[in-house]
Amino acid sequence: MLYMASRRTLPPPCGIIHGAWEANLFVSNVFDKQAALSRFNSDNYDASTRSRIFTNRPRTAGLSLQWKF
């Protein structure tokens, strides 16, 4: 069995509310670190020596705006 290192996540998005308006900012993977989430060897006959690695998402940032009416 292969054990992967733990990863820390950041708090939920932060935002402001002003009257009917709401703005939220979010950032994930702030330091743009690549982490191996899972790894396995292929069971395909043609690719039996290949190791597959799934990684996390790259840095993602965004802003959401809402207006309640």
N, C-alpha and C. Protein backbone atom coordinates (compact mmCIF):
# COMPACT_ATOMS: atom_id res chain seq x y z
N MET A 1 0.84 -1.17 0.00
CA MET A 1 0.00 0.00 0.00
C MET A 1 0.89 1.24 0.00
N LEU A 2 0.49 2.24 -0.75
CA LEU A 2 1.23 3.48 -0.86
C LEU A 2 0.50 4.56 -0.06
N TYR A 3 1.20 5.18 0.87
CA TYR A 3 0.61 6.25 1.67
C TYR A 3 1.01 7.60 1.09
N MET A 4 0.07 8.48 0.95
CA MET A 4 0.32 9.81 0.43
C MET A 4 0.38 10.80 1.60
N ALA A 5 1.18 11.84 1.43
CA ALA A 5 1.29 12.87 2.46
C ALA A 5 -0.02 13.63 2.56
N SER A 6 -0.34 14.08 3.76
CA SER A 6 -1.57 14.85 3.93
C SER A 6 -1.40 16.25 3.35
N ARG A 7 -2.50 16.84 2.96
CA ARG A 7 -2.50 18.18 2.39
C ARG A 7 -3.41 19.07 3.21
N ARG A 8 -3.01 20.29 3.41
CA ARG A 8 -3.80 21.24 4.19
C ARG A 8 -4.64 22.08 3.24
N THR A 9 -5.88 22.30 3.62
CA THR A 9 -6.76 23.15 2.82
C THR A 9 -6.96 24.48 3.53
N LEU A 10 -7.28 25.48 2.76
CA LEU A 10 -7.50 26.81 3.33
C LEU A 10 -8.94 26.97 3.76
N PRO A 11 -9.21 28.01 4.55
CA PRO A 11 -10.58 28.25 4.99
C PRO A 11 -11.51 28.54 3.81
N PRO A 12 -12.79 28.54 4.04
CA PRO A 12 -13.75 28.83 2.97
C PRO A 12 -13.53 30.24 2.41
N PRO A 13 -14.19 30.56 1.33
CA PRO A 13 -14.01 31.88 0.71
C PRO A 13 -14.34 33.00 1.69
N CYS A 14 -13.72 34.15 1.47
CA CYS A 14 -14.04 35.31 2.29
C CYS A 14 -14.81 36.31 1.44
N GLY A 15 -15.61 37.10 2.06
CA GLY A 15 -16.42 38.02 1.28
C GLY A 15 -16.98 39.16 2.10
N ILE A 16 -17.71 40.01 1.40
CA ILE A 16 -18.38 41.14 2.05
C ILE A 16 -19.82 41.20 1.57
N ILE A 17 -20.67 41.73 2.43
CA ILE A 17 -22.07 41.93 2.09
C ILE A 17 -22.38 43.40 2.33
N HIS A 18 -23.00 44.02 1.33
CA HIS A 18 -23.38 45.43 1.45
C HIS A 18 -24.76 45.60 0.82
N GLY A 19 -25.76 45.72 1.67
CA GLY A 19 -27.12 45.83 1.17
C GLY A 19 -27.52 44.57 0.42
N ALA A 20 -27.93 44.73 -0.84
CA ALA A 20 -28.34 43.59 -1.66
C ALA A 20 -27.17 42.93 -2.38
N TRP A 21 -25.97 43.50 -2.26
CA TRP A 21 -24.79 42.99 -2.95
C TRP A 21 -23.95 42.10 -2.04
N GLU A 22 -23.36 41.08 -2.64
CA GLU A 22 -22.44 40.19 -1.93
C GLU A 22 -21.29 39.85 -2.86
N ALA A 23 -20.06 39.92 -2.37
CA ALA A 23 -18.87 39.58 -3.15
C ALA A 23 -18.04 38.58 -2.35
N ASN A 24 -17.62 37.51 -3.00
CA ASN A 24 -16.81 36.48 -2.36
C ASN A 24 -15.56 36.22 -3.19
N LEU A 25 -14.43 36.10 -2.51
CA LEU A 25 -13.15 35.81 -3.15
C LEU A 25 -12.70 34.44 -2.67
N PHE A 26 -12.22 33.61 -3.60
CA PHE A 26 -11.71 32.30 -3.20
C PHE A 26 -10.40 32.01 -3.93
N VAL A 27 -9.54 31.25 -3.26
CA VAL A 27 -8.27 30.80 -3.84
C VAL A 27 -8.04 29.39 -3.34
N SER A 28 -7.71 28.49 -4.25
CA SER A 28 -7.34 27.13 -3.84
C SER A 28 -5.93 26.84 -4.35
N ASN A 29 -5.20 26.04 -3.61
CA ASN A 29 -3.81 25.72 -3.93
C ASN A 29 -3.00 27.01 -4.08
N VAL A 30 -3.01 27.83 -3.06
CA VAL A 30 -2.40 29.16 -3.07
C VAL A 30 -0.95 29.12 -3.52
N PHE A 31 -0.17 28.16 -3.06
CA PHE A 31 1.25 28.10 -3.39
C PHE A 31 1.54 27.27 -4.63
N ASP A 32 0.49 26.85 -5.33
CA ASP A 32 0.59 26.10 -6.58
C ASP A 32 1.49 24.87 -6.46
N LYS A 33 1.30 24.13 -5.38
CA LYS A 33 2.08 22.90 -5.15
C LYS A 33 1.40 21.73 -5.86
N GLN A 34 2.21 20.86 -6.41
CA GLN A 34 1.66 19.67 -7.07
C GLN A 34 1.76 18.50 -6.10
N ALA A 35 0.65 17.82 -5.90
CA ALA A 35 0.60 16.70 -4.97
C ALA A 35 0.11 15.45 -5.70
N ALA A 36 0.76 14.34 -5.45
CA ALA A 36 0.31 13.07 -6.01
C ALA A 36 -0.83 12.56 -5.14
N LEU A 37 -2.04 12.53 -5.69
CA LEU A 37 -3.21 12.10 -4.92
C LEU A 37 -3.38 10.60 -4.93
N SER A 38 -3.03 9.97 -6.04
CA SER A 38 -3.07 8.51 -6.11
C SER A 38 -2.12 8.03 -7.18
N ARG A 39 -1.68 6.80 -7.05
CA ARG A 39 -0.73 6.21 -7.99
C ARG A 39 -1.05 4.73 -8.16
N PHE A 40 -0.97 4.25 -9.37
CA PHE A 40 -1.15 2.83 -9.61
C PHE A 40 -0.42 2.42 -10.88
N ASN A 41 -0.13 1.14 -10.99
CA ASN A 41 0.49 0.61 -12.20
C ASN A 41 -0.59 0.12 -13.14
N SER A 42 -0.39 0.39 -14.40
CA SER A 42 -1.38 0.00 -15.40
C SER A 42 -1.45 -1.52 -15.53
N ASP A 43 -2.67 -2.03 -15.71
CA ASP A 43 -2.82 -3.47 -15.93
C ASP A 43 -3.05 -3.78 -17.40
N ASN A 44 -2.81 -2.80 -18.24
CA ASN A 44 -2.92 -2.96 -19.69
C ASN A 44 -1.69 -3.74 -20.18
N TYR A 45 -1.88 -4.73 -21.00
CA TYR A 45 -0.77 -5.55 -21.49
C TYR A 45 0.27 -4.71 -22.22
N ASP A 46 -0.18 -3.76 -23.03
CA ASP A 46 0.74 -2.94 -23.82
C ASP A 46 1.47 -1.90 -22.97
N ALA A 47 0.96 -1.57 -21.81
CA ALA A 47 1.56 -0.53 -20.98
C ALA A 47 1.78 -1.03 -19.56
N SER A 48 2.22 -2.27 -19.42
CA SER A 48 2.30 -2.88 -18.10
C SER A 48 3.38 -2.26 -17.21
N THR A 49 4.34 -1.56 -17.76
CA THR A 49 5.39 -0.97 -16.93
C THR A 49 5.14 0.50 -16.62
N ARG A 50 4.03 1.04 -17.05
CA ARG A 50 3.73 2.45 -16.82
C ARG A 50 3.05 2.65 -15.47
N SER A 51 3.50 3.67 -14.79
CA SER A 51 2.88 4.05 -13.52
C SER A 51 2.02 5.28 -13.77
N ARG A 52 0.79 5.26 -13.30
CA ARG A 52 -0.14 6.39 -13.48
C ARG A 52 -0.21 7.17 -12.17
N ILE A 53 -0.15 8.49 -12.28
CA ILE A 53 -0.24 9.35 -11.10
C ILE A 53 -1.30 10.41 -11.36
N PHE A 54 -2.23 10.54 -10.41
CA PHE A 54 -3.25 11.59 -10.48
C PHE A 54 -2.84 12.69 -9.52
N THR A 55 -2.88 13.94 -10.00
CA THR A 55 -2.45 15.07 -9.18
C THR A 55 -3.62 15.99 -8.86
N ASN A 56 -3.37 16.91 -7.96
CA ASN A 56 -4.39 17.89 -7.58
C ASN A 56 -4.51 18.98 -8.65
N ARG A 57 -5.49 19.83 -8.50
CA ARG A 57 -5.68 20.94 -9.43
C ARG A 57 -4.61 22.01 -9.23
N PRO A 58 -4.27 22.75 -10.28
CA PRO A 58 -3.34 23.87 -10.11
C PRO A 58 -4.02 25.01 -9.37
N ARG A 59 -3.27 26.08 -9.12
CA ARG A 59 -3.82 27.23 -8.41
C ARG A 59 -5.07 27.73 -9.13
N THR A 60 -6.11 27.98 -8.37
CA THR A 60 -7.37 28.48 -8.91
C THR A 60 -7.84 29.64 -8.04
N ALA A 61 -8.21 30.73 -8.67
CA ALA A 61 -8.72 31.90 -7.93
C ALA A 61 -9.95 32.42 -8.64
N GLY A 62 -10.82 33.02 -7.88
CA GLY A 62 -12.03 33.57 -8.50
C GLY A 62 -12.75 34.54 -7.60
N LEU A 63 -13.69 35.19 -8.20
CA LEU A 63 -14.53 36.18 -7.52
C LEU A 63 -15.97 35.91 -7.92
N SER A 64 -16.85 35.83 -6.94
CA SER A 64 -18.26 35.68 -7.26
C SER A 64 -19.01 36.91 -6.75
N LEU A 65 -19.91 37.39 -7.56
CA LEU A 65 -20.73 38.55 -7.20
C LEU A 65 -22.20 38.14 -7.23
N GLN A 66 -22.95 38.58 -6.24
CA GLN A 66 -24.38 38.28 -6.20
C GLN A 66 -25.16 39.55 -5.87
N TRP A 67 -26.31 39.63 -6.47
CA TRP A 67 -27.20 40.74 -6.19
C TRP A 67 -28.58 40.14 -5.90
N LYS A 68 -29.08 40.37 -4.73
CA LYS A 68 -30.38 39.83 -4.33
C LYS A 68 -31.45 40.87 -4.56
N PHE A 69 -32.48 40.48 -5.30
CA PHE A 69 -33.56 41.42 -5.58
C PHE A 69 -34.89 40.82 -5.25
